[in-house]
Amino acid sequence: MTVESGYFTSRLDIKMFLSAHHLRQIWRNHILGYSMKHKGDVDIIHHVHIYPEHNEHFHKYAIPEYRALLTEKGNESFKTITYENYFDMLDCYRDKEEVSNWVKYLRKRYLGVE
């Protein structure tokens, strides 16, 4: 699936994921999406990786390193957003009480913010 997807450059050696623990789950989720598309379960996939803004591991290392492995097609299907930006976007719908309560819950759970 990795090769067939066309998401990765030819220099990718799939064995790297045996030791590249910081990239393995990102790759697995991305390929799962492609596999679902390939099987016909979905028409379009976007792997959206959500992470905390201050997580330097993802921001400075994992995401740039992963993107360097991707072709243009792979980059088009791989999206990233921080929890903070995602929750701010959800705030646009806070006029509905259930959405407001849900956003409060998510901020508390993932960011520890009351």
N, C-alpha and C. Protein backbone atom coordinates (compact mmCIF):
# COMPACT_ATOMS: atom_id res chain seq x y z
N MET A 1 0.83 -1.19 0.00
CA MET A 1 0.00 0.00 0.00
C MET A 1 0.88 1.26 0.00
N THR A 2 1.99 1.21 0.71
CA THR A 2 2.86 2.39 0.79
C THR A 2 3.35 2.79 -0.59
N VAL A 3 3.85 1.85 -1.35
CA VAL A 3 4.35 2.14 -2.69
C VAL A 3 3.20 2.49 -3.63
N GLU A 4 2.14 1.70 -3.57
CA GLU A 4 1.00 1.88 -4.47
C GLU A 4 0.32 3.23 -4.30
N SER A 5 0.35 3.76 -3.08
CA SER A 5 -0.35 5.02 -2.80
C SER A 5 0.19 6.19 -3.61
N GLY A 6 1.48 6.16 -3.91
CA GLY A 6 2.09 7.30 -4.58
C GLY A 6 2.31 8.48 -3.65
N TYR A 7 2.14 8.25 -2.35
CA TYR A 7 2.29 9.31 -1.36
C TYR A 7 3.74 9.58 -0.97
N PHE A 8 4.62 8.63 -1.25
CA PHE A 8 5.98 8.70 -0.72
C PHE A 8 7.02 8.76 -1.84
N THR A 9 8.10 9.45 -1.57
CA THR A 9 9.19 9.55 -2.54
C THR A 9 9.84 8.18 -2.71
N SER A 10 10.52 8.01 -3.80
CA SER A 10 11.16 6.73 -4.10
C SER A 10 12.31 6.43 -3.14
N ARG A 11 12.84 7.43 -2.46
CA ARG A 11 13.95 7.20 -1.54
C ARG A 11 13.48 6.62 -0.19
N LEU A 12 12.17 6.53 0.01
CA LEU A 12 11.65 5.96 1.26
C LEU A 12 11.96 4.47 1.32
N ASP A 13 12.58 4.05 2.41
CA ASP A 13 12.77 2.63 2.70
C ASP A 13 11.81 2.32 3.84
N ILE A 14 10.80 1.53 3.55
CA ILE A 14 9.74 1.25 4.53
C ILE A 14 10.29 0.66 5.82
N LYS A 15 11.45 0.03 5.76
CA LYS A 15 12.07 -0.54 6.97
C LYS A 15 12.42 0.53 7.99
N MET A 16 12.52 1.77 7.54
CA MET A 16 12.86 2.86 8.47
C MET A 16 11.85 2.98 9.60
N PHE A 17 10.60 2.57 9.34
CA PHE A 17 9.56 2.71 10.35
C PHE A 17 9.74 1.71 11.50
N LEU A 18 10.62 0.73 11.33
CA LEU A 18 10.92 -0.18 12.43
C LEU A 18 11.64 0.56 13.55
N SER A 19 12.47 1.53 13.20
CA SER A 19 13.20 2.28 14.23
C SER A 19 12.72 3.72 14.37
N ALA A 20 12.03 4.24 13.40
CA ALA A 20 11.55 5.63 13.45
C ALA A 20 10.21 5.68 14.18
N HIS A 21 10.25 5.44 15.48
CA HIS A 21 9.02 5.38 16.27
C HIS A 21 8.21 6.67 16.21
N HIS A 22 8.88 7.80 16.07
CA HIS A 22 8.20 9.09 16.04
C HIS A 22 7.41 9.31 14.74
N LEU A 23 7.65 8.48 13.74
CA LEU A 23 6.94 8.60 12.46
C LEU A 23 5.99 7.44 12.19
N ARG A 24 6.20 6.34 12.87
CA ARG A 24 5.47 5.12 12.54
C ARG A 24 3.96 5.27 12.60
N GLN A 25 3.43 5.87 13.66
CA GLN A 25 1.96 5.97 13.79
C GLN A 25 1.38 6.94 12.77
N ILE A 26 2.11 8.00 12.47
CA ILE A 26 1.64 8.93 11.44
C ILE A 26 1.52 8.19 10.11
N TRP A 27 2.56 7.46 9.75
CA TRP A 27 2.57 6.68 8.50
C TRP A 27 1.45 5.64 8.49
N ARG A 28 1.27 4.91 9.60
CA ARG A 28 0.24 3.87 9.65
C ARG A 28 -1.15 4.47 9.43
N ASN A 29 -1.43 5.60 10.07
CA ASN A 29 -2.74 6.23 9.91
C ASN A 29 -2.94 6.73 8.47
N HIS A 30 -1.89 7.29 7.90
CA HIS A 30 -1.97 7.81 6.53
C HIS A 30 -2.24 6.66 5.56
N ILE A 31 -1.54 5.56 5.72
CA ILE A 31 -1.72 4.40 4.83
C ILE A 31 -3.06 3.73 5.08
N LEU A 32 -3.55 3.76 6.29
CA LEU A 32 -4.89 3.22 6.57
C LEU A 32 -5.92 3.97 5.73
N GLY A 33 -5.80 5.29 5.70
CA GLY A 33 -6.72 6.09 4.88
C GLY A 33 -6.63 5.72 3.42
N TYR A 34 -5.40 5.59 2.92
CA TYR A 34 -5.24 5.20 1.52
C TYR A 34 -5.85 3.82 1.28
N SER A 35 -5.64 2.90 2.17
CA SER A 35 -6.17 1.54 2.04
C SER A 35 -7.69 1.56 1.96
N MET A 36 -8.32 2.39 2.79
CA MET A 36 -9.78 2.51 2.76
C MET A 36 -10.25 3.06 1.41
N LYS A 37 -9.51 4.03 0.89
CA LYS A 37 -9.85 4.60 -0.42
C LYS A 37 -9.66 3.54 -1.51
N HIS A 38 -8.55 2.83 -1.44
CA HIS A 38 -8.24 1.79 -2.42
C HIS A 38 -9.32 0.70 -2.45
N LYS A 39 -9.82 0.33 -1.29
CA LYS A 39 -10.86 -0.70 -1.20
C LYS A 39 -12.23 -0.19 -1.63
N GLY A 40 -12.38 1.14 -1.74
CA GLY A 40 -13.66 1.70 -2.12
C GLY A 40 -14.55 2.06 -0.94
N ASP A 41 -13.99 2.00 0.27
CA ASP A 41 -14.78 2.36 1.46
C ASP A 41 -15.06 3.86 1.52
N VAL A 42 -14.15 4.66 0.99
CA VAL A 42 -14.31 6.11 0.95
C VAL A 42 -13.84 6.62 -0.40
N ASP A 43 -14.30 7.80 -0.79
CA ASP A 43 -13.89 8.38 -2.07
C ASP A 43 -12.65 9.25 -1.95
N ILE A 44 -12.53 9.94 -0.83
CA ILE A 44 -11.44 10.90 -0.61
C ILE A 44 -10.90 10.68 0.79
N ILE A 45 -9.60 10.82 0.94
CA ILE A 45 -9.05 10.78 2.30
C ILE A 45 -8.17 12.01 2.54
N HIS A 46 -8.23 12.47 3.74
CA HIS A 46 -7.30 13.46 4.26
C HIS A 46 -6.89 12.97 5.63
N HIS A 47 -5.62 12.71 5.77
CA HIS A 47 -5.10 12.34 7.09
C HIS A 47 -4.87 13.66 7.81
N VAL A 48 -5.61 13.91 8.87
CA VAL A 48 -5.47 15.14 9.65
C VAL A 48 -4.81 14.78 10.96
N HIS A 49 -3.62 15.30 11.15
CA HIS A 49 -2.87 15.03 12.37
C HIS A 49 -3.04 16.24 13.30
N ILE A 50 -3.66 16.00 14.45
CA ILE A 50 -3.92 17.06 15.43
C ILE A 50 -2.95 16.88 16.59
N TYR A 51 -2.31 17.98 16.99
CA TYR A 51 -1.32 17.90 18.07
C TYR A 51 -1.30 19.22 18.84
N PRO A 52 -0.82 19.20 20.09
CA PRO A 52 -0.74 20.43 20.87
C PRO A 52 0.30 21.39 20.29
N GLU A 53 -0.04 22.66 20.29
CA GLU A 53 0.81 23.71 19.74
C GLU A 53 2.23 23.70 20.32
N HIS A 54 2.35 23.41 21.58
CA HIS A 54 3.66 23.48 22.24
C HIS A 54 4.38 22.14 22.27
N ASN A 55 3.91 21.18 21.51
CA ASN A 55 4.60 19.90 21.42
C ASN A 55 5.71 20.03 20.38
N GLU A 56 6.89 20.36 20.85
CA GLU A 56 8.01 20.60 19.94
C GLU A 56 8.38 19.35 19.15
N HIS A 57 8.16 18.19 19.73
CA HIS A 57 8.47 16.94 19.04
C HIS A 57 7.77 16.90 17.68
N PHE A 58 6.48 17.18 17.64
CA PHE A 58 5.75 17.15 16.38
C PHE A 58 6.06 18.38 15.53
N HIS A 59 5.99 19.54 16.13
CA HIS A 59 6.14 20.78 15.39
C HIS A 59 7.50 20.92 14.72
N LYS A 60 8.57 20.60 15.45
CA LYS A 60 9.92 20.83 14.93
C LYS A 60 10.55 19.61 14.27
N TYR A 61 10.12 18.41 14.65
CA TYR A 61 10.83 17.23 14.17
C TYR A 61 9.96 16.27 13.35
N ALA A 62 8.96 15.68 13.98
CA ALA A 62 8.20 14.60 13.34
C ALA A 62 7.48 15.06 12.07
N ILE A 63 6.76 16.16 12.15
CA ILE A 63 5.98 16.59 10.98
C ILE A 63 6.88 17.03 9.83
N PRO A 64 7.91 17.86 10.06
CA PRO A 64 8.79 18.20 8.93
C PRO A 64 9.51 16.96 8.36
N GLU A 65 9.92 16.05 9.23
CA GLU A 65 10.60 14.85 8.75
C GLU A 65 9.65 13.97 7.94
N TYR A 66 8.41 13.86 8.39
CA TYR A 66 7.43 13.06 7.66
C TYR A 66 7.11 13.71 6.32
N ARG A 67 6.89 15.02 6.32
CA ARG A 67 6.58 15.72 5.06
C ARG A 67 7.70 15.57 4.04
N ALA A 68 8.95 15.49 4.50
CA ALA A 68 10.09 15.32 3.60
C ALA A 68 10.03 13.99 2.86
N LEU A 69 9.29 13.03 3.39
CA LEU A 69 9.14 11.71 2.76
C LEU A 69 8.02 11.68 1.73
N LEU A 70 7.22 12.73 1.69
CA LEU A 70 6.00 12.73 0.87
C LEU A 70 6.21 13.35 -0.51
N THR A 71 5.49 12.79 -1.46
CA THR A 71 5.38 13.39 -2.78
C THR A 71 4.35 14.52 -2.70
N GLU A 72 4.14 15.20 -3.80
CA GLU A 72 3.10 16.24 -3.84
C GLU A 72 1.73 15.62 -3.52
N LYS A 73 1.46 14.47 -4.09
CA LYS A 73 0.19 13.76 -3.83
C LYS A 73 0.06 13.42 -2.34
N GLY A 74 1.15 12.97 -1.74
CA GLY A 74 1.13 12.65 -0.32
C GLY A 74 0.88 13.87 0.53
N ASN A 75 1.53 14.99 0.18
CA ASN A 75 1.32 16.23 0.93
C ASN A 75 -0.10 16.75 0.80
N GLU A 76 -0.73 16.53 -0.35
CA GLU A 76 -2.11 16.97 -0.53
C GLU A 76 -3.07 16.22 0.39
N SER A 77 -2.74 14.99 0.73
CA SER A 77 -3.64 14.19 1.57
C SER A 77 -3.26 14.23 3.04
N PHE A 78 -2.19 14.92 3.40
CA PHE A 78 -1.71 14.99 4.79
C PHE A 78 -1.86 16.41 5.31
N LYS A 79 -2.72 16.57 6.30
CA LYS A 79 -2.99 17.90 6.87
C LYS A 79 -2.62 17.88 8.35
N THR A 80 -2.19 19.02 8.84
CA THR A 80 -1.89 19.14 10.27
C THR A 80 -2.59 20.38 10.82
N ILE A 81 -2.94 20.30 12.08
CA ILE A 81 -3.53 21.44 12.78
C ILE A 81 -3.29 21.23 14.27
N THR A 82 -3.11 22.31 14.98
CA THR A 82 -2.94 22.19 16.42
C THR A 82 -4.31 22.13 17.09
N TYR A 83 -4.34 21.54 18.27
CA TYR A 83 -5.59 21.53 19.05
C TYR A 83 -6.09 22.96 19.22
N GLU A 84 -5.17 23.87 19.54
CA GLU A 84 -5.56 25.25 19.80
C GLU A 84 -6.26 25.87 18.60
N ASN A 85 -5.70 25.70 17.41
CA ASN A 85 -6.33 26.26 16.21
C ASN A 85 -7.65 25.57 15.89
N TYR A 86 -7.69 24.26 16.08
CA TYR A 86 -8.92 23.51 15.81
C TYR A 86 -10.04 23.96 16.75
N PHE A 87 -9.73 24.08 18.03
CA PHE A 87 -10.75 24.49 18.99
C PHE A 87 -11.20 25.93 18.73
N ASP A 88 -10.27 26.79 18.32
CA ASP A 88 -10.64 28.17 17.97
C ASP A 88 -11.61 28.18 16.78
N MET A 89 -11.37 27.30 15.81
CA MET A 89 -12.29 27.22 14.66
C MET A 89 -13.66 26.74 15.11
N LEU A 90 -13.70 25.79 16.04
CA LEU A 90 -14.98 25.29 16.55
C LEU A 90 -15.75 26.38 17.30
N ASP A 91 -15.02 27.33 17.86
CA ASP A 91 -15.67 28.42 18.58
C ASP A 91 -16.65 29.20 17.70
N CYS A 92 -16.48 29.13 16.40
CA CYS A 92 -17.40 29.81 15.48
C CYS A 92 -18.83 29.28 15.64
N TYR A 93 -18.96 28.09 16.19
CA TYR A 93 -20.27 27.44 16.33
C TYR A 93 -20.74 27.40 17.78
N ARG A 94 -20.16 28.24 18.63
CA ARG A 94 -20.46 28.21 20.06
C ARG A 94 -21.84 28.73 20.40
N ASP A 95 -22.55 29.27 19.42
CA ASP A 95 -23.89 29.76 19.72
C ASP A 95 -24.82 28.60 20.06
N LYS A 96 -24.43 27.41 19.71
CA LYS A 96 -25.21 26.23 20.09
C LYS A 96 -24.61 25.68 21.38
N GLU A 97 -25.44 25.53 22.40
CA GLU A 97 -24.94 25.14 23.72
C GLU A 97 -24.20 23.81 23.71
N GLU A 98 -24.71 22.84 22.93
CA GLU A 98 -24.04 21.53 22.91
C GLU A 98 -22.64 21.62 22.30
N VAL A 99 -22.45 22.50 21.32
CA VAL A 99 -21.12 22.70 20.74
C VAL A 99 -20.22 23.40 21.73
N SER A 100 -20.74 24.41 22.39
CA SER A 100 -19.97 25.14 23.39
C SER A 100 -19.50 24.21 24.50
N ASN A 101 -20.39 23.35 24.98
CA ASN A 101 -20.02 22.40 26.03
C ASN A 101 -18.99 21.39 25.54
N TRP A 102 -19.13 20.98 24.30
CA TRP A 102 -18.19 20.02 23.73
C TRP A 102 -16.80 20.63 23.60
N VAL A 103 -16.72 21.89 23.13
CA VAL A 103 -15.44 22.57 23.00
C VAL A 103 -14.79 22.75 24.37
N LYS A 104 -15.57 23.11 25.37
CA LYS A 104 -15.04 23.23 26.73
C LYS A 104 -14.46 21.90 27.20
N TYR A 105 -15.19 20.82 26.95
CA TYR A 105 -14.72 19.49 27.33
C TYR A 105 -13.41 19.15 26.61
N LEU A 106 -13.33 19.42 25.31
CA LEU A 106 -12.12 19.11 24.55
C LEU A 106 -10.92 19.91 25.04
N ARG A 107 -11.14 21.20 25.31
CA ARG A 107 -10.04 22.03 25.82
C ARG A 107 -9.53 21.51 27.16
N LYS A 108 -10.45 21.09 28.01
CA LYS A 108 -10.05 20.56 29.31
C LYS A 108 -9.31 19.23 29.15
N ARG A 109 -9.85 18.36 28.33
CA ARG A 109 -9.25 17.03 28.15
C ARG A 109 -7.87 17.09 27.50
N TYR A 110 -7.74 17.84 26.41
CA TYR A 110 -6.51 17.81 25.65
C TYR A 110 -5.50 18.90 25.99
N LEU A 111 -5.97 20.00 26.60
CA LEU A 111 -5.07 21.08 26.91
C LEU A 111 -5.01 21.42 28.39
N GLY A 112 -5.91 20.81 29.17
CA GLY A 112 -5.94 21.08 30.61
C GLY A 112 -6.44 22.47 30.93
N VAL A 113 -7.21 23.07 30.01
CA VAL A 113 -7.71 24.43 30.16
C VAL A 113 -9.16 24.39 30.59
N GLU A 114 -9.50 25.12 31.62
CA GLU A 114 -10.90 25.19 32.08
C GLU A 114 -11.65 26.24 31.29
